[in-house]
Amino acid sequence: MDIETFRNYCLAKKGVAEGLPFGPDTLVFKVMGKIFALTSLDEVPLRVNLKCDPEEAITLREEHPNNILPGYHMNKKHWNTLVLDGFLPNSLIFGLTDHSYNLVIQGLHKRLQMDLENL
């Protein structure tokens, strides 16, 4: 998967904005101001950090030891780094992106969840 495909998928989600708060090499995607995905623009192959349920994170790392790693520069219990070198199917990448997005929404204050619903 390339950066444009990943970027377009993230931006198509409700309430998502992108930015470069950590410098020009790290593209960040937020829903209602909370990070759900980060990608390093200078890494080859592309790497993406996504939030993940801790138990599922361990399972995914065991199933894909070369392509799903503990989150780089993140809380390794709650974040995974996906190496997008062609070995992970797009359906899995999109599913894990949805999972991250939904986890962040679940953690939002009720008012922000309502604001998101009304967008």
N, C-alpha and C. Protein backbone atom coordinates (compact mmCIF):
# COMPACT_ATOMS: atom_id res chain seq x y z
N MET A 1 0.86 -1.18 0.00
CA MET A 1 0.00 0.00 0.00
C MET A 1 0.90 1.24 0.00
N ASP A 2 0.50 2.24 -0.74
CA ASP A 2 1.28 3.48 -0.79
C ASP A 2 0.64 4.54 0.11
N ILE A 3 1.37 5.61 0.32
CA ILE A 3 0.93 6.66 1.24
C ILE A 3 -0.37 7.30 0.78
N GLU A 4 -0.55 7.50 -0.51
CA GLU A 4 -1.77 8.15 -0.99
C GLU A 4 -3.00 7.29 -0.73
N THR A 5 -2.89 6.00 -0.92
CA THR A 5 -4.02 5.11 -0.64
C THR A 5 -4.37 5.16 0.84
N PHE A 6 -3.34 5.06 1.70
CA PHE A 6 -3.58 5.11 3.14
C PHE A 6 -4.16 6.46 3.54
N ARG A 7 -3.58 7.54 3.03
CA ARG A 7 -4.03 8.90 3.36
C ARG A 7 -5.49 9.10 2.96
N ASN A 8 -5.83 8.71 1.74
CA ASN A 8 -7.21 8.89 1.26
C ASN A 8 -8.19 8.08 2.10
N TYR A 9 -7.79 6.89 2.52
CA TYR A 9 -8.67 6.06 3.34
C TYR A 9 -8.94 6.75 4.68
N CYS A 10 -7.88 7.26 5.30
CA CYS A 10 -8.04 7.94 6.59
C CYS A 10 -8.90 9.20 6.46
N LEU A 11 -8.63 9.99 5.44
CA LEU A 11 -9.34 11.27 5.29
C LEU A 11 -10.81 11.09 4.91
N ALA A 12 -11.17 9.92 4.42
CA ALA A 12 -12.57 9.66 4.06
C ALA A 12 -13.43 9.40 5.30
N LYS A 13 -12.79 9.20 6.43
CA LYS A 13 -13.53 8.93 7.67
C LYS A 13 -14.08 10.22 8.26
N LYS A 14 -15.21 10.11 8.90
CA LYS A 14 -15.89 11.26 9.50
C LYS A 14 -15.04 11.89 10.61
N GLY A 15 -14.91 13.23 10.55
CA GLY A 15 -14.25 13.98 11.61
C GLY A 15 -12.74 13.93 11.60
N VAL A 16 -12.13 13.45 10.51
CA VAL A 16 -10.68 13.29 10.45
C VAL A 16 -9.99 14.50 9.85
N ALA A 17 -8.88 14.87 10.46
CA ALA A 17 -8.00 15.93 9.95
C ALA A 17 -6.58 15.39 9.96
N GLU A 18 -5.77 15.93 9.07
CA GLU A 18 -4.36 15.53 9.03
C GLU A 18 -3.49 16.73 9.38
N GLY A 19 -2.28 16.43 9.81
CA GLY A 19 -1.35 17.50 10.14
C GLY A 19 0.05 16.96 10.31
N LEU A 20 0.98 17.89 10.54
CA LEU A 20 2.39 17.54 10.73
C LEU A 20 2.90 18.12 12.05
N PRO A 21 2.27 17.78 13.18
CA PRO A 21 2.64 18.41 14.46
C PRO A 21 4.02 18.03 14.98
N PHE A 22 4.58 16.93 14.47
CA PHE A 22 5.88 16.46 14.95
C PHE A 22 7.00 16.75 13.95
N GLY A 23 6.72 17.58 12.95
CA GLY A 23 7.72 17.90 11.94
C GLY A 23 7.30 17.40 10.58
N PRO A 24 8.07 17.73 9.55
CA PRO A 24 7.68 17.45 8.18
C PRO A 24 7.71 15.98 7.77
N ASP A 25 8.25 15.12 8.60
CA ASP A 25 8.39 13.71 8.22
C ASP A 25 7.35 12.79 8.83
N THR A 26 6.47 13.30 9.69
CA THR A 26 5.47 12.45 10.34
C THR A 26 4.08 13.01 10.10
N LEU A 27 3.32 12.33 9.27
CA LEU A 27 1.94 12.72 8.97
C LEU A 27 1.02 12.08 10.01
N VAL A 28 0.19 12.92 10.65
CA VAL A 28 -0.66 12.48 11.75
C VAL A 28 -2.13 12.64 11.35
N PHE A 29 -2.92 11.63 11.66
CA PHE A 29 -4.37 11.67 11.41
C PHE A 29 -5.07 11.66 12.76
N LYS A 30 -5.98 12.62 12.92
CA LYS A 30 -6.73 12.75 14.17
C LYS A 30 -8.22 12.73 13.88
N VAL A 31 -8.98 12.15 14.81
CA VAL A 31 -10.43 12.25 14.78
C VAL A 31 -10.82 13.07 15.99
N MET A 32 -11.51 14.16 15.74
CA MET A 32 -11.95 15.08 16.80
C MET A 32 -10.77 15.48 17.70
N GLY A 33 -9.61 15.69 17.08
CA GLY A 33 -8.44 16.16 17.80
C GLY A 33 -7.60 15.10 18.46
N LYS A 34 -7.97 13.83 18.34
CA LYS A 34 -7.22 12.74 18.98
C LYS A 34 -6.58 11.85 17.91
N ILE A 35 -5.32 11.52 18.10
CA ILE A 35 -4.55 10.74 17.13
C ILE A 35 -5.05 9.30 17.06
N PHE A 36 -5.26 8.83 15.81
CA PHE A 36 -5.55 7.41 15.60
C PHE A 36 -4.57 6.76 14.64
N ALA A 37 -3.80 7.57 13.89
CA ALA A 37 -2.82 7.01 12.96
C ALA A 37 -1.69 8.00 12.72
N LEU A 38 -0.49 7.46 12.59
CA LEU A 38 0.68 8.26 12.23
C LEU A 38 1.45 7.48 11.18
N THR A 39 2.09 8.20 10.27
CA THR A 39 2.94 7.55 9.30
C THR A 39 4.19 8.37 9.08
N SER A 40 5.28 7.67 8.92
CA SER A 40 6.56 8.33 8.68
C SER A 40 6.73 8.49 7.18
N LEU A 41 6.83 9.73 6.73
CA LEU A 41 6.91 10.01 5.30
C LEU A 41 8.27 9.71 4.70
N ASP A 42 9.28 9.53 5.54
CA ASP A 42 10.63 9.29 5.01
C ASP A 42 11.08 7.83 5.14
N GLU A 43 10.19 6.94 5.55
CA GLU A 43 10.53 5.52 5.70
C GLU A 43 10.20 4.75 4.43
N VAL A 44 11.10 3.87 4.04
CA VAL A 44 10.86 2.94 2.95
C VAL A 44 11.25 1.57 3.45
N PRO A 45 10.30 0.63 3.51
CA PRO A 45 8.90 0.78 3.13
C PRO A 45 8.13 1.64 4.13
N LEU A 46 6.95 2.05 3.69
CA LEU A 46 6.06 2.87 4.51
C LEU A 46 5.75 2.15 5.82
N ARG A 47 5.74 2.92 6.91
CA ARG A 47 5.37 2.39 8.23
C ARG A 47 4.24 3.25 8.79
N VAL A 48 3.28 2.58 9.41
CA VAL A 48 2.11 3.26 9.96
C VAL A 48 1.91 2.80 11.40
N ASN A 49 1.69 3.74 12.31
CA ASN A 49 1.35 3.42 13.69
C ASN A 49 -0.16 3.52 13.86
N LEU A 50 -0.75 2.47 14.45
CA LEU A 50 -2.18 2.42 14.70
C LEU A 50 -2.45 1.95 16.12
N LYS A 51 -3.45 2.55 16.74
CA LYS A 51 -3.88 2.13 18.07
C LYS A 51 -4.51 0.74 17.95
N CYS A 52 -4.38 -0.06 19.01
CA CYS A 52 -4.91 -1.42 18.95
C CYS A 52 -5.26 -1.91 20.35
N ASP A 53 -6.28 -2.72 20.45
CA ASP A 53 -6.61 -3.40 21.69
C ASP A 53 -5.38 -4.20 22.12
N PRO A 54 -4.95 -4.10 23.38
CA PRO A 54 -3.72 -4.75 23.81
C PRO A 54 -3.64 -6.25 23.54
N GLU A 55 -4.72 -6.98 23.77
CA GLU A 55 -4.70 -8.43 23.52
C GLU A 55 -4.60 -8.72 22.03
N GLU A 56 -5.33 -7.96 21.22
CA GLU A 56 -5.27 -8.15 19.77
C GLU A 56 -3.89 -7.77 19.24
N ALA A 57 -3.28 -6.74 19.85
CA ALA A 57 -1.95 -6.31 19.42
C ALA A 57 -0.95 -7.45 19.53
N ILE A 58 -1.00 -8.18 20.64
CA ILE A 58 -0.08 -9.30 20.85
C ILE A 58 -0.31 -10.39 19.81
N THR A 59 -1.58 -10.71 19.58
CA THR A 59 -1.92 -11.74 18.59
C THR A 59 -1.43 -11.35 17.21
N LEU A 60 -1.66 -10.11 16.82
CA LEU A 60 -1.24 -9.65 15.50
C LEU A 60 0.28 -9.70 15.35
N ARG A 61 0.99 -9.33 16.39
CA ARG A 61 2.46 -9.37 16.34
C ARG A 61 2.97 -10.80 16.20
N GLU A 62 2.28 -11.74 16.84
CA GLU A 62 2.67 -13.15 16.72
C GLU A 62 2.36 -13.70 15.32
N GLU A 63 1.22 -13.29 14.75
CA GLU A 63 0.82 -13.77 13.43
C GLU A 63 1.65 -13.15 12.30
N HIS A 64 2.12 -11.92 12.50
CA HIS A 64 2.85 -11.19 11.46
C HIS A 64 4.13 -10.58 12.06
N PRO A 65 5.08 -11.43 12.50
CA PRO A 65 6.24 -10.91 13.25
C PRO A 65 7.15 -9.97 12.47
N ASN A 66 7.13 -10.03 11.16
CA ASN A 66 7.99 -9.15 10.37
C ASN A 66 7.28 -7.87 9.93
N ASN A 67 5.97 -7.83 10.06
CA ASN A 67 5.21 -6.70 9.52
C ASN A 67 4.35 -5.96 10.52
N ILE A 68 4.12 -6.53 11.69
CA ILE A 68 3.39 -5.84 12.75
C ILE A 68 4.25 -5.90 14.00
N LEU A 69 4.71 -4.73 14.41
CA LEU A 69 5.68 -4.59 15.49
C LEU A 69 5.10 -3.73 16.60
N PRO A 70 5.68 -3.78 17.80
CA PRO A 70 5.25 -2.84 18.84
C PRO A 70 5.40 -1.40 18.34
N GLY A 71 4.48 -0.55 18.70
CA GLY A 71 4.44 0.81 18.20
C GLY A 71 5.73 1.59 18.42
N TYR A 72 6.33 2.04 17.34
CA TYR A 72 7.58 2.81 17.38
C TYR A 72 7.30 4.18 17.98
N HIS A 73 8.02 4.53 19.04
CA HIS A 73 7.87 5.81 19.76
C HIS A 73 6.47 5.98 20.36
N MET A 74 5.78 4.88 20.63
CA MET A 74 4.43 4.92 21.18
C MET A 74 4.35 3.96 22.36
N ASN A 75 3.22 4.00 23.07
CA ASN A 75 2.97 3.04 24.13
C ASN A 75 2.82 1.67 23.46
N LYS A 76 3.78 0.80 23.69
CA LYS A 76 3.83 -0.47 22.98
C LYS A 76 2.71 -1.43 23.36
N LYS A 77 2.03 -1.15 24.44
CA LYS A 77 0.89 -1.97 24.83
C LYS A 77 -0.33 -1.64 23.96
N HIS A 78 -0.47 -0.39 23.57
CA HIS A 78 -1.68 0.07 22.87
C HIS A 78 -1.47 0.44 21.41
N TRP A 79 -0.26 0.38 20.91
CA TRP A 79 0.01 0.81 19.53
C TRP A 79 0.87 -0.22 18.82
N ASN A 80 0.57 -0.42 17.54
CA ASN A 80 1.37 -1.27 16.66
C ASN A 80 1.94 -0.42 15.53
N THR A 81 3.09 -0.84 15.03
CA THR A 81 3.65 -0.29 13.80
C THR A 81 3.48 -1.33 12.72
N LEU A 82 2.82 -0.96 11.64
CA LEU A 82 2.65 -1.84 10.50
C LEU A 82 3.68 -1.47 9.45
N VAL A 83 4.41 -2.46 8.96
CA VAL A 83 5.37 -2.26 7.87
C VAL A 83 4.64 -2.61 6.58
N LEU A 84 4.42 -1.61 5.75
CA LEU A 84 3.61 -1.80 4.54
C LEU A 84 4.51 -2.08 3.33
N ASP A 85 5.05 -3.29 3.31
CA ASP A 85 5.97 -3.68 2.24
C ASP A 85 5.34 -4.66 1.26
N GLY A 86 4.02 -4.76 1.29
CA GLY A 86 3.32 -5.62 0.35
C GLY A 86 2.92 -6.98 0.90
N PHE A 87 3.36 -7.31 2.10
CA PHE A 87 3.04 -8.62 2.67
C PHE A 87 1.73 -8.63 3.44
N LEU A 88 1.30 -7.49 3.96
CA LEU A 88 0.01 -7.42 4.65
C LEU A 88 -1.07 -7.08 3.62
N PRO A 89 -2.17 -7.82 3.62
CA PRO A 89 -3.25 -7.49 2.66
C PRO A 89 -3.89 -6.14 3.00
N ASN A 90 -4.30 -5.43 1.96
CA ASN A 90 -4.96 -4.14 2.17
C ASN A 90 -6.17 -4.26 3.08
N SER A 91 -6.89 -5.36 2.97
CA SER A 91 -8.07 -5.54 3.82
C SER A 91 -7.69 -5.54 5.30
N LEU A 92 -6.56 -6.13 5.65
CA LEU A 92 -6.10 -6.14 7.04
C LEU A 92 -5.68 -4.74 7.46
N ILE A 93 -4.97 -4.03 6.61
CA ILE A 93 -4.53 -2.66 6.92
C ILE A 93 -5.74 -1.76 7.12
N PHE A 94 -6.71 -1.85 6.23
CA PHE A 94 -7.91 -1.03 6.37
C PHE A 94 -8.69 -1.42 7.63
N GLY A 95 -8.78 -2.71 7.91
CA GLY A 95 -9.48 -3.17 9.11
C GLY A 95 -8.82 -2.67 10.39
N LEU A 96 -7.50 -2.70 10.43
CA LEU A 96 -6.78 -2.22 11.61
C LEU A 96 -6.86 -0.70 11.73
N THR A 97 -6.95 -0.02 10.60
CA THR A 97 -7.15 1.43 10.63
C THR A 97 -8.53 1.75 11.19
N ASP A 98 -9.54 1.00 10.76
CA ASP A 98 -10.89 1.18 11.31
C ASP A 98 -10.91 0.90 12.80
N HIS A 99 -10.21 -0.16 13.21
CA HIS A 99 -10.15 -0.53 14.63
C HIS A 99 -9.54 0.61 15.45
N SER A 100 -8.46 1.19 14.96
CA SER A 100 -7.80 2.30 15.65
C SER A 100 -8.74 3.50 15.76
N TYR A 101 -9.36 3.84 14.65
CA TYR A 101 -10.31 4.97 14.60
C TYR A 101 -11.44 4.75 15.62
N ASN A 102 -12.00 3.54 15.63
CA ASN A 102 -13.11 3.25 16.54
C ASN A 102 -12.68 3.26 18.00
N LEU A 103 -11.48 2.77 18.29
CA LEU A 103 -10.98 2.82 19.67
C LEU A 103 -10.87 4.26 20.16
N VAL A 104 -10.37 5.13 19.30
CA VAL A 104 -10.22 6.53 19.69
C VAL A 104 -11.60 7.16 19.90
N ILE A 105 -12.54 6.88 19.03
CA ILE A 105 -13.90 7.42 19.19
C ILE A 105 -14.51 6.96 20.51
N GLN A 106 -14.32 5.69 20.84
CA GLN A 106 -14.87 5.16 22.09
C GLN A 106 -14.28 5.87 23.31
N GLY A 107 -13.07 6.38 23.19
CA GLY A 107 -12.41 7.06 24.30
C GLY A 107 -12.72 8.55 24.39
N LEU A 108 -13.46 9.08 23.41
CA LEU A 108 -13.81 10.50 23.43
C LEU A 108 -14.87 10.78 24.48
N HIS A 109 -14.88 12.00 24.98
CA HIS A 109 -15.96 12.43 25.86
C HIS A 109 -17.27 12.35 25.10
N LYS A 110 -18.35 12.13 25.81
CA LYS A 110 -19.67 11.96 25.18
C LYS A 110 -20.02 13.16 24.30
N ARG A 111 -19.65 14.34 24.72
CA ARG A 111 -19.98 15.54 23.93
C ARG A 111 -19.27 15.50 22.57
N LEU A 112 -18.00 15.10 22.58
CA LEU A 112 -17.27 15.00 21.32
C LEU A 112 -17.84 13.89 20.44
N GLN A 113 -18.26 12.79 21.06
CA GLN A 113 -18.90 11.72 20.29
C GLN A 113 -20.17 12.24 19.62
N MET A 114 -20.94 13.03 20.35
CA MET A 114 -22.17 13.60 19.78
C MET A 114 -21.84 14.59 18.68
N ASP A 115 -20.82 15.41 18.88
CA ASP A 115 -20.40 16.35 17.84
C ASP A 115 -19.98 15.60 16.57
N LEU A 116 -19.28 14.50 16.73
CA LEU A 116 -18.87 13.69 15.59
C LEU A 116 -20.09 13.12 14.86
N GLU A 117 -21.04 12.62 15.62
CA GLU A 117 -22.26 12.08 15.01
C GLU A 117 -22.99 13.14 14.19
N ASN A 118 -22.93 14.38 14.64
CA ASN A 118 -23.65 15.47 13.96
C ASN A 118 -22.92 16.07 12.77
N LEU A 119 -21.71 15.59 12.49
CA LEU A 119 -20.98 16.12 11.34
C LEU A 119 -21.61 15.67 10.03
